[in-house]
Protein backbone atom coordinates (compact mmCIF):
# COMPACT_ATOMS: atom_id res chain seq x y z
CA MET A 1 164.62 81.85 127.18
CA ALA A 2 163.30 80.37 123.96
CA LYS A 3 160.73 82.12 121.89
CA SER A 4 157.45 80.43 121.34
CA PRO A 5 156.66 79.43 117.78
CA ALA A 6 155.27 82.27 115.72
CA LYS A 7 151.50 82.38 115.57
CA LYS A 8 149.77 82.67 112.25
CA GLN A 9 148.27 86.05 111.63
CA THR A 10 144.54 85.36 111.29
CA ARG A 11 141.68 87.78 110.91
CA LYS A 12 140.01 88.84 114.09
CA SER A 13 136.86 86.95 114.82
CA ILE A 14 135.75 88.83 117.91
CA GLY A 15 136.03 92.36 119.14
CA ARG A 16 135.04 95.83 118.18
CA TYR A 17 136.69 96.22 114.78
CA VAL A 18 135.66 92.97 113.14
CA ASP A 19 134.19 92.95 109.64
CA ALA A 20 130.42 92.58 109.52
CA GLU A 21 130.74 89.65 107.12
CA ALA A 22 132.99 87.80 109.55
CA ARG A 23 130.44 88.16 112.34
CA GLY A 24 127.56 87.15 110.09
CA ARG A 25 125.71 90.40 110.71
CA VAL A 26 125.04 91.32 107.09
CA THR A 27 121.50 91.11 105.77
CA LYS A 28 121.26 89.53 102.36
CA ARG A 29 119.85 91.70 99.62
CA ARG A 30 116.49 90.81 98.15
CA PRO A 31 115.77 90.97 94.44
CA VAL A 32 114.51 94.39 93.44
CA GLY A 33 111.08 93.48 92.07
CA SER A 34 110.10 90.83 94.60
CA ASP A 35 108.40 93.00 97.22
CA HIS A 36 105.82 94.92 95.17
CA SER A 37 102.09 94.32 95.24
CA PRO A 38 100.40 93.29 92.00
CA GLN A 39 98.99 96.06 89.84
CA TRP A 40 95.36 95.09 90.50
CA TYR A 41 95.87 95.35 94.27
CA GLY A 42 95.88 99.15 94.35
CA TRP A 43 92.79 99.34 92.15
CA LEU A 44 90.94 96.88 94.39
CA LEU A 45 91.89 98.96 97.41
CA LEU A 46 90.57 102.16 95.86
CA ASP A 47 87.41 100.44 94.57
CA LEU A 48 86.52 99.11 98.00
CA LEU A 49 87.00 102.50 99.63
CA ALA A 50 84.96 104.29 96.96
CA PHE A 51 82.21 101.64 96.96
CA GLY A 52 81.85 101.86 100.74
CA MET A 53 81.69 105.64 100.66
CA LEU A 54 79.08 105.64 97.89
CA VAL A 55 76.87 103.02 99.58
CA ILE A 56 76.81 105.04 102.80
CA LEU A 57 76.17 108.28 100.93
CA PHE A 58 73.37 106.82 98.80
CA ASN A 59 71.82 105.22 101.87
CA TYR A 60 71.48 108.58 103.58
CA LEU A 61 70.24 110.24 100.39
CA LEU A 62 67.56 107.50 100.10
CA VAL A 63 68.68 106.59 96.57
CA LEU A 64 69.06 102.86 97.27
CA PRO A 65 65.99 100.60 96.97
CA GLY A 66 63.88 100.44 100.09
CA ALA A 67 64.06 102.79 103.03
CA ALA A 68 67.27 103.77 104.75
CA SER A 69 68.51 100.47 106.08
CA PRO A 70 71.21 99.74 108.63
CA TRP A 71 72.36 96.84 106.41
CA TYR A 72 73.48 99.31 103.75
CA LEU A 73 75.51 101.06 106.42
CA VAL A 74 77.04 97.74 107.46
CA LEU A 75 77.87 96.92 103.82
CA GLY A 76 79.53 100.31 103.33
CA LEU A 77 81.54 100.10 106.54
CA VAL A 78 82.72 96.54 105.88
CA SER A 79 83.89 97.44 102.39
CA MET A 80 85.68 100.55 103.68
CA PHE A 81 87.39 98.63 106.49
CA SER A 82 88.44 96.01 103.94
CA GLY A 83 89.95 98.76 101.83
CA PHE A 84 91.82 100.17 104.83
CA TYR A 85 93.11 96.70 105.70
CA LEU A 86 94.40 96.24 102.16
CA ALA A 87 96.02 99.67 102.34
CA THR A 88 98.10 98.55 105.32
CA ARG A 89 99.39 95.58 103.28
CA TYR A 90 100.17 97.57 100.12
CA ARG A 91 103.83 97.65 99.06
């Protein structure tokens, strides 16, 4: 019986012990400084939260012009929710 021609020894392309690069399962690295928020972003976030808190506080202390108005409450809540939304996007 004749032997079949010798097969070339190639790297495994399927199976359990295959390199991650060979399977294409490696995530490419991102540049280090590309995923940070700008410096002003954090300050804007804190300013919106503080502004909303102060508007609501001053509304209930009757410091703002006019009587206690629900529109001041709306302004304070909208600015605080905007600050919380920005906080979820901060990197």
